[in-house]
Amino acid sequence: MSDSLKTYSPVDGSLYVERPYMSEAQIPALIEKAEAAQKDWAKKTIAERAAILSKCIEVFESRKEQISEELAWQMGRPIRYGAGEVGGFVERATYMISAAEKALEPVEAGEKEGFTRYIKREPLGVVFTIAPWNFPYMTAVNSIVPALMAGNAVILKHATQTHLCGETMRDAFVEAGLPEGLFQLVTATHAFAAKLIQSGGINLVAFTASVPGGEAIEQVATGQFI
């Protein structure tokens, strides 16, 4: 197996992106960084998280031209269609930010004399998102923004063909002021992803891709409370 991730462009067959794969030895530090950032993030109010994430979306959208060109080289999608992917990302993210206050409020559990009963929604901790190549932003946003709005940290593994999408999204969010370590990107083999899921530091896996891929994740997650 190659020691680096390689994205070959369908436009001309050239090597467009190459990044060294992360070592499994880096997993403990990765989790530690995510957990430390998540503890502080969870203390923020939903309104405070919304303000920061809204800025993240604003910075992301400002890179529309860059994103459209990157998508073309990674996927072969004509540049003129890139704006639609960015627009879909922004629309979904904006809605999920606005819906968070209502979605995360306590659930009344019914009256009982002498008791105040409710179900309080608490952050899970660290969410591992595995995103596909075909709609690389509009699928990833469906778990990343809700996870962050709910007070979690996110680790993202993007598809090999669209790894640069993960970098662009993360960099935009960091530039906008998202706390360091709260949203991390891994350059990971399947073996690395499996070890990360089995590390004990992942609290939820959000996966969008093939049925065989889903079956593989189910197997490595067996016996864990995630």
C-alpha atoms as a PDB file:
ATOM      1  CA  MET A   1       0.000   0.000   0.000  1.00  0.00           C
ATOM      2  CA  SER A   2       1.144   3.532  -0.751  1.00  0.00           C
ATOM      3  CA  ASP A   3       2.257   5.630   2.209  1.00  0.00           C
ATOM      4  CA  SER A   4       0.352   8.644   0.901  1.00  0.00           C
ATOM      5  CA  LEU A   5      -3.129   9.615  -0.211  1.00  0.00           C
ATOM      6  CA  LYS A   6      -3.235  10.474  -3.902  1.00  0.00           C
ATOM      7  CA  THR A   7      -6.053  12.175  -5.797  1.00  0.00           C
ATOM      8  CA  TYR A   8      -5.807  11.864  -9.575  1.00  0.00           C
ATOM      9  CA  SER A   9      -7.861  14.354 -11.520  1.00  0.00           C
ATOM     10  CA  PRO A  10     -10.388  12.948 -14.017  1.00  0.00           C
ATOM     11  CA  VAL A  11      -9.797  16.098 -16.059  1.00  0.00           C
ATOM     12  CA  ASP A  12      -6.374  15.056 -17.353  1.00  0.00           C
ATOM     13  CA  GLY A  13      -5.247  12.134 -15.198  1.00  0.00           C
ATOM     14  CA  SER A  14      -2.681  14.242 -13.340  1.00  0.00           C
ATOM     15  CA  LEU A  15      -1.855  13.897  -9.660  1.00  0.00           C
ATOM     16  CA  TYR A  16      -3.817  16.771  -8.121  1.00  0.00           C
ATOM     17  CA  VAL A  17      -3.486  16.155  -4.364  1.00  0.00           C
ATOM     18  CA  GLU A  18      -0.984  14.110  -2.379  1.00  0.00           C
ATOM     19  CA  ARG A  19      -0.835  13.942   1.408  1.00  0.00           C
ATOM     20  CA  PRO A  20       1.034  11.535   3.726  1.00  0.00           C
ATOM     21  CA  TYR A  21      -1.191   9.081   5.543  1.00  0.00           C
ATOM     22  CA  MET A  22      -1.411   9.519   9.284  1.00  0.00           C
ATOM     23  CA  SER A  23       0.092   6.860  11.536  1.00  0.00           C
ATOM     24  CA  GLU A  24      -2.049   4.880  13.964  1.00  0.00           C
ATOM     25  CA  ALA A  25       0.370   6.081  16.647  1.00  0.00           C
ATOM     26  CA  GLN A  26      -1.135   9.564  16.208  1.00  0.00           C
ATOM     27  CA  ILE A  27      -4.621   8.472  17.282  1.00  0.00           C
ATOM     28  CA  PRO A  28      -4.251   9.097  21.062  1.00  0.00           C
ATOM     29  CA  ALA A  29      -3.072  12.689  20.500  1.00  0.00           C
ATOM     30  CA  LEU A  30      -5.835  13.242  17.953  1.00  0.00           C
ATOM     31  CA  ILE A  31      -8.489  12.134  20.430  1.00  0.00           C
ATOM     32  CA  GLU A  32      -6.910  14.057  23.309  1.00  0.00           C
ATOM     33  CA  LYS A  33      -6.944  17.271  21.289  1.00  0.00           C
ATOM     34  CA  ALA A  34     -10.582  16.759  20.285  1.00  0.00           C
ATOM     35  CA  GLU A  35     -11.695  15.989  23.830  1.00  0.00           C
ATOM     36  CA  ALA A  36      -9.930  19.029  25.269  1.00  0.00           C
ATOM     37  CA  ALA A  37     -11.522  21.349  22.709  1.00  0.00           C
ATOM     38  CA  GLN A  38     -14.936  19.746  23.166  1.00  0.00           C
ATOM     39  CA  LYS A  39     -15.011  20.322  26.917  1.00  0.00           C
ATOM     40  CA  ASP A  40     -14.697  24.092  26.465  1.00  0.00           C
ATOM     41  CA  TRP A  41     -17.042  24.163  23.457  1.00  0.00           C
ATOM     42  CA  ALA A  42     -19.770  22.318  25.376  1.00  0.00           C
ATOM     43  CA  LYS A  43     -19.801  25.114  27.960  1.00  0.00           C
ATOM     44  CA  LYS A  44     -20.835  27.677  25.346  1.00  0.00           C
ATOM     45  CA  THR A  45     -24.488  28.495  24.879  1.00  0.00           C
ATOM     46  CA  ILE A  46     -26.250  27.441  21.707  1.00  0.00           C
ATOM     47  CA  ALA A  47     -26.420  31.102  20.705  1.00  0.00           C
ATOM     48  CA  GLU A  48     -22.649  31.447  21.129  1.00  0.00           C
ATOM     49  CA  ARG A  49     -22.018  28.353  19.017  1.00  0.00           C
ATOM     50  CA  ALA A  50     -24.441  29.658  16.399  1.00  0.00           C
ATOM     51  CA  ALA A  51     -22.617  32.977  16.133  1.00  0.00           C
ATOM     52  CA  ILE A  52     -19.247  31.289  15.590  1.00  0.00           C
ATOM     53  CA  LEU A  53     -20.577  28.724  13.109  1.00  0.00           C
ATOM     54  CA  SER A  54     -22.443  31.404  11.168  1.00  0.00           C
ATOM     55  CA  LYS A  55     -19.109  33.155  10.718  1.00  0.00           C
ATOM     56  CA  CYS A  56     -17.594  29.836   9.606  1.00  0.00           C
ATOM     57  CA  ILE A  57     -20.253  29.498   6.910  1.00  0.00           C
ATOM     58  CA  GLU A  58     -19.668  33.099   5.821  1.00  0.00           C
ATOM     59  CA  VAL A  59     -15.932  32.528   5.354  1.00  0.00           C
ATOM     60  CA  PHE A  60     -16.582  29.240   3.544  1.00  0.00           C
ATOM     61  CA  GLU A  61     -19.012  30.886   1.127  1.00  0.00           C
ATOM     62  CA  SER A  62     -16.497  33.651   0.386  1.00  0.00           C
ATOM     63  CA  ARG A  63     -14.240  30.976  -1.149  1.00  0.00           C
ATOM     64  CA  LYS A  64     -16.855  29.951  -3.726  1.00  0.00           C
ATOM     65  CA  GLU A  65     -14.615  30.468  -6.754  1.00  0.00           C
ATOM     66  CA  GLN A  66     -11.713  28.535  -5.216  1.00  0.00           C
ATOM     67  CA  ILE A  67     -14.062  25.725  -4.171  1.00  0.00           C
ATOM     68  CA  SER A  68     -15.652  25.480  -7.620  1.00  0.00           C
ATOM     69  CA  GLU A  69     -12.248  25.119  -9.277  1.00  0.00           C
ATOM     70  CA  GLU A  70     -11.078  22.542  -6.725  1.00  0.00           C
ATOM     71  CA  LEU A  71     -14.249  20.512  -7.257  1.00  0.00           C
ATOM     72  CA  ALA A  72     -13.704  20.534 -11.005  1.00  0.00           C
ATOM     73  CA  TRP A  73     -10.180  19.164 -10.689  1.00  0.00           C
ATOM     74  CA  GLN A  74     -11.127  16.547  -8.094  1.00  0.00           C
ATOM     75  CA  MET A  75     -14.422  15.337  -9.598  1.00  0.00           C
ATOM     76  CA  GLY A  76     -14.511  16.468 -13.203  1.00  0.00           C
ATOM     77  CA  ARG A  77     -17.619  18.524 -12.474  1.00  0.00           C
ATOM     78  CA  PRO A  78     -17.737  21.693 -14.640  1.00  0.00           C
ATOM     79  CA  ILE A  79     -16.771  24.818 -12.698  1.00  0.00           C
ATOM     80  CA  ARG A  80     -20.136  26.458 -13.378  1.00  0.00           C
ATOM     81  CA  TYR A  81     -21.847  23.825 -11.221  1.00  0.00           C
ATOM     82  CA  GLY A  82     -19.600  24.368  -8.212  1.00  0.00           C
ATOM     83  CA  ALA A  83     -21.673  27.302  -7.017  1.00  0.00           C
ATOM     84  CA  GLY A  84     -24.618  24.945  -6.584  1.00  0.00           C
ATOM     85  CA  GLU A  85     -22.643  22.729  -4.220  1.00  0.00           C
ATOM     86  CA  VAL A  86     -21.549  25.752  -2.195  1.00  0.00           C
ATOM     87  CA  GLY A  87     -25.095  27.127  -2.166  1.00  0.00           C
ATOM     88  CA  GLY A  88     -26.497  23.809  -0.989  1.00  0.00           C
ATOM     89  CA  PHE A  89     -23.907  23.636   1.782  1.00  0.00           C
ATOM     90  CA  VAL A  90     -24.716  27.160   2.939  1.00  0.00           C
ATOM     91  CA  GLU A  91     -28.477  26.595   2.804  1.00  0.00           C
ATOM     92  CA  ARG A  92     -28.304  23.394   4.835  1.00  0.00           C
ATOM     93  CA  ALA A  93     -25.818  24.767   7.352  1.00  0.00           C
ATOM     94  CA  THR A  94     -27.809  27.960   7.876  1.00  0.00           C
ATOM     95  CA  TYR A  95     -31.002  26.021   8.489  1.00  0.00           C
ATOM     96  CA  MET A  96     -29.383  23.585  10.918  1.00  0.00           C
ATOM     97  CA  ILE A  97     -27.837  26.446  12.885  1.00  0.00           C
ATOM     98  CA  SER A  98     -31.204  28.184  13.119  1.00  0.00           C
ATOM     99  CA  ALA A  99     -33.016  24.967  14.101  1.00  0.00           C
ATOM    100  CA  ALA A 100     -30.584  23.985  16.852  1.00  0.00           C
ATOM    101  CA  GLU A 101     -32.166  25.980  19.702  1.00  0.00           C
ATOM    102  CA  LYS A 102     -35.511  24.218  19.265  1.00  0.00           C
ATOM    103  CA  ALA A 103     -34.025  20.812  18.454  1.00  0.00           C
ATOM    104  CA  LEU A 104     -31.755  20.782  21.511  1.00  0.00           C
ATOM    105  CA  GLU A 105     -34.178  22.086  24.118  1.00  0.00           C
ATOM    106  CA  PRO A 106     -35.162  19.721  26.978  1.00  0.00           C
ATOM    107  CA  VAL A 107     -38.028  17.320  26.327  1.00  0.00           C
ATOM    108  CA  GLU A 108     -40.860  17.472  28.855  1.00  0.00           C
ATOM    109  CA  ALA A 109     -41.465  13.968  30.236  1.00  0.00           C
ATOM    110  CA  GLY A 110     -44.951  14.583  31.657  1.00  0.00           C
ATOM    111  CA  GLU A 111     -46.196  15.769  35.011  1.00  0.00           C
ATOM    112  CA  LYS A 112     -45.810  13.820  38.231  1.00  0.00           C
ATOM    113  CA  GLU A 113     -46.606  15.259  41.620  1.00  0.00           C
ATOM    114  CA  GLY A 114     -43.472  16.230  43.531  1.00  0.00           C
ATOM    115  CA  PHE A 115     -41.215  15.910  40.504  1.00  0.00           C
ATOM    116  CA  THR A 116     -39.957  18.041  37.667  1.00  0.00           C
ATOM    117  CA  ARG A 117     -39.349  15.575  34.859  1.00  0.00           C
ATOM    118  CA  TYR A 118     -37.526  16.259  31.610  1.00  0.00           C
ATOM    119  CA  ILE A 119     -34.964  14.784  29.258  1.00  0.00           C
ATOM    120  CA  LYS A 120     -31.916  16.990  28.852  1.00  0.00           C
ATOM    121  CA  ARG A 121     -29.898  16.765  25.652  1.00  0.00           C
ATOM    122  CA  GLU A 122     -26.165  16.524  26.362  1.00  0.00           C
ATOM    123  CA  PRO A 123     -23.245  16.500  23.895  1.00  0.00           C
ATOM    124  CA  LEU A 124     -21.915  13.035  23.060  1.00  0.00           C
ATOM    125  CA  GLY A 125     -18.259  14.049  22.872  1.00  0.00           C
ATOM    126  CA  VAL A 126     -16.306  13.274  19.696  1.00  0.00           C
ATOM    127  CA  VAL A 127     -18.085  12.593  16.392  1.00  0.00           C
ATOM    128  CA  PHE A 128     -16.284  10.832  13.540  1.00  0.00           C
ATOM    129  CA  THR A 129     -17.703  11.827  10.143  1.00  0.00           C
ATOM    130  CA  ILE A 130     -16.863   9.752   7.078  1.00  0.00           C
ATOM    131  CA  ALA A 131     -17.912  11.645   3.949  1.00  0.00           C
ATOM    132  CA  PRO A 132     -18.305  10.532   0.306  1.00  0.00           C
ATOM    133  CA  TRP A 133     -16.983  12.057  -2.904  1.00  0.00           C
ATOM    134  CA  ASN A 134     -20.163  12.538  -4.950  1.00  0.00           C
ATOM    135  CA  PHE A 135     -21.600  15.534  -3.064  1.00  0.00           C
ATOM    136  CA  PRO A 136     -18.562  16.200  -0.902  1.00  0.00           C
ATOM    137  CA  TYR A 137     -19.824  19.310   0.864  1.00  0.00           C
ATOM    138  CA  MET A 138     -23.587  18.811   0.977  1.00  0.00           C
ATOM    139  CA  THR A 139     -23.291  15.359   2.544  1.00  0.00           C
ATOM    140  CA  ALA A 140     -20.535  16.241   5.012  1.00  0.00           C
ATOM    141  CA  VAL A 141     -22.392  19.289   6.316  1.00  0.00           C
ATOM    142  CA  ASN A 142     -25.345  17.120   7.351  1.00  0.00           C
ATOM    143  CA  SER A 143     -23.415  15.719  10.303  1.00  0.00           C
ATOM    144  CA  ILE A 144     -20.649  18.278  10.887  1.00  0.00           C
ATOM    145  CA  VAL A 145     -22.821  21.322  11.626  1.00  0.00           C
ATOM    146  CA  PRO A 146     -25.406  19.519  13.818  1.00  0.00           C
ATOM    147  CA  ALA A 147     -22.598  17.830  15.765  1.00  0.00           C
ATOM    148  CA  LEU A 148     -20.837  21.139  16.411  1.00  0.00           C
ATOM    149  CA  MET A 149     -24.079  22.940  17.264  1.00  0.00           C
ATOM    150  CA  ALA A 150     -24.864  20.206  19.797  1.00  0.00           C
ATOM    151  CA  GLY A 151     -21.549  20.835  21.575  1.00  0.00           C
ATOM    152  CA  ASN A 152     -19.442  18.037  20.107  1.00  0.00           C
ATOM    153  CA  ALA A 153     -16.012  17.916  18.508  1.00  0.00           C
ATOM    154  CA  VAL A 154     -15.718  16.538  14.964  1.00  0.00           C
ATOM    155  CA  ILE A 155     -13.059  14.441  13.261  1.00  0.00           C
ATOM    156  CA  LEU A 156     -13.566  14.215   9.498  1.00  0.00           C
ATOM    157  CA  LYS A 157     -12.309  11.591   7.072  1.00  0.00           C
ATOM    158  CA  HIS A 158     -13.140  12.626   3.540  1.00  0.00           C
ATOM    159  CA  ALA A 159     -13.063  10.396   0.479  1.00  0.00           C
ATOM    160  CA  THR A 160      -9.705  10.023  -1.250  1.00  0.00           C
ATOM    161  CA  GLN A 161     -11.016  11.635  -4.412  1.00  0.00           C
ATOM    162  CA  THR A 162     -12.233  14.736  -2.542  1.00  0.00           C
ATOM    163  CA  HIS A 163      -9.834  14.993   0.395  1.00  0.00           C
ATOM    164  CA  LEU A 164      -9.109  18.619  -0.463  1.00  0.00           C
ATOM    165  CA  CYS A 165     -12.761  19.451   0.294  1.00  0.00           C
ATOM    166  CA  GLY A 166     -12.108  18.507   3.902  1.00  0.00           C
ATOM    167  CA  GLU A 167      -9.044  20.741   4.037  1.00  0.00           C
ATOM    168  CA  THR A 168     -10.883  23.693   2.512  1.00  0.00           C
ATOM    169  CA  MET A 169     -13.805  23.348   4.914  1.00  0.00           C
ATOM    170  CA  ARG A 170     -11.598  22.967   7.973  1.00  0.00           C
ATOM    171  CA  ASP A 171      -9.360  25.878   6.997  1.00  0.00           C
ATOM    172  CA  ALA A 172     -12.357  28.170   6.445  1.00  0.00           C
ATOM    173  CA  PHE A 173     -13.776  27.255   9.843  1.00  0.00           C
ATOM    174  CA  VAL A 174     -10.457  27.792  11.620  1.00  0.00           C
ATOM    175  CA  GLU A 175      -9.997  31.161   9.900  1.00  0.00           C
ATOM    176  CA  ALA A 176     -13.471  32.136  11.097  1.00  0.00           C
ATOM    177  CA  GLY A 177     -12.541  31.478  14.715  1.00  0.00           C
ATOM    178  CA  LEU A 178     -13.608  27.907  15.450  1.00  0.00           C
ATOM    179  CA  PRO A 179     -11.525  26.750  18.453  1.00  0.00           C
ATOM    180  CA  GLU A 180      -8.379  24.784  17.633  1.00  0.00           C
ATOM    181  CA  GLY A 181      -8.852  21.030  17.749  1.00  0.00           C
ATOM    182  CA  LEU A 182     -12.638  21.162  17.605  1.00  0.00           C
ATOM    183  CA  PHE A 183     -12.816  20.244  13.913  1.00  0.00           C
ATOM    184  CA  GLN A 184      -9.952  18.055  12.727  1.00  0.00           C
ATOM    185  CA  LEU A 185      -9.280  16.323   9.433  1.00  0.00           C
ATOM    186  CA  VAL A 186      -7.524  12.980   9.129  1.00  0.00           C
ATOM    187  CA  THR A 187      -5.638  11.613   6.140  1.00  0.00           C
ATOM    188  CA  ALA A 188      -6.532   8.029   6.810  1.00  0.00           C
ATOM    189  CA  THR A 189      -6.362   4.560   5.367  1.00  0.00           C
ATOM    190  CA  HIS A 190      -9.268   2.196   6.034  1.00  0.00           C
ATOM    191  CA  ALA A 191      -7.121   0.503   8.679  1.00  0.00           C
ATOM    192  CA  PHE A 192      -6.512   3.838  10.404  1.00  0.00           C
ATOM    193  CA  ALA A 193     -10.245   4.610  10.388  1.00  0.00           C
ATOM    194  CA  ALA A 194     -10.995   1.221  11.912  1.00  0.00           C
ATOM    195  CA  LYS A 195      -8.432   1.744  14.680  1.00  0.00           C
ATOM    196  CA  LEU A 196      -9.830   5.211  15.350  1.00  0.00           C
ATOM    197  CA  ILE A 197     -13.355   3.829  15.737  1.00  0.00           C
ATOM    198  CA  GLN A 198     -12.032   1.123  18.073  1.00  0.00           C
ATOM    199  CA  SER A 199      -9.889   3.539  20.104  1.00  0.00           C
ATOM    200  CA  GLY A 200     -12.525   4.216  22.739  1.00  0.00           C
ATOM    201  CA  GLY A 201     -12.393   7.933  21.999  1.00  0.00           C
ATOM    202  CA  ILE A 202     -15.137   8.092  19.368  1.00  0.00           C
ATOM    203  CA  ASN A 203     -18.691   8.548  20.637  1.00  0.00           C
ATOM    204  CA  LEU A 204     -20.589   8.542  17.345  1.00  0.00           C
ATOM    205  CA  VAL A 205     -19.821   7.615  13.739  1.00  0.00           C
ATOM    206  CA  ALA A 206     -21.676   9.443  10.949  1.00  0.00           C
ATOM    207  CA  PHE A 207     -21.155   7.554   7.691  1.00  0.00           C
ATOM    208  CA  THR A 208     -22.368   8.238   4.153  1.00  0.00           C
ATOM    209  CA  ALA A 209     -21.133   5.957   1.369  1.00  0.00           C
ATOM    210  CA  SER A 210     -21.470   2.400   0.068  1.00  0.00           C
ATOM    211  CA  VAL A 211     -23.289  -0.534   1.662  1.00  0.00           C
ATOM    212  CA  PRO A 212     -20.051  -2.581   1.909  1.00  0.00           C
ATOM    213  CA  GLY A 213     -18.412   0.387   3.632  1.00  0.00           C
ATOM    214  CA  GLY A 214     -21.269   0.590   6.099  1.00  0.00           C
ATOM    215  CA  GLU A 215     -21.016  -3.115   6.825  1.00  0.00           C
ATOM    216  CA  ALA A 216     -17.282  -2.765   7.495  1.00  0.00           C
ATOM    217  CA  ILE A 217     -17.895   0.089   9.936  1.00  0.00           C
ATOM    218  CA  GLU A 218     -20.600  -1.907  11.689  1.00  0.00           C
ATOM    219  CA  GLN A 219     -18.126  -4.736  12.211  1.00  0.00           C
ATOM    220  CA  VAL A 220     -15.355  -2.575  13.681  1.00  0.00           C
ATOM    221  CA  ALA A 221     -17.852  -0.744  15.917  1.00  0.00           C
ATOM    222  CA  THR A 222     -19.356  -3.956  17.328  1.00  0.00           C
ATOM    223  CA  GLY A 223     -19.354  -4.128  21.111  1.00  0.00           C
ATOM    224  CA  GLN A 224     -18.790  -0.413  21.673  1.00  0.00           C
ATOM    225  CA  PHE A 225     -21.233   2.120  23.073  1.00  0.00           C
ATOM    226  CA  ILE A 226     -21.187   4.462  20.074  1.00  0.00           C
END
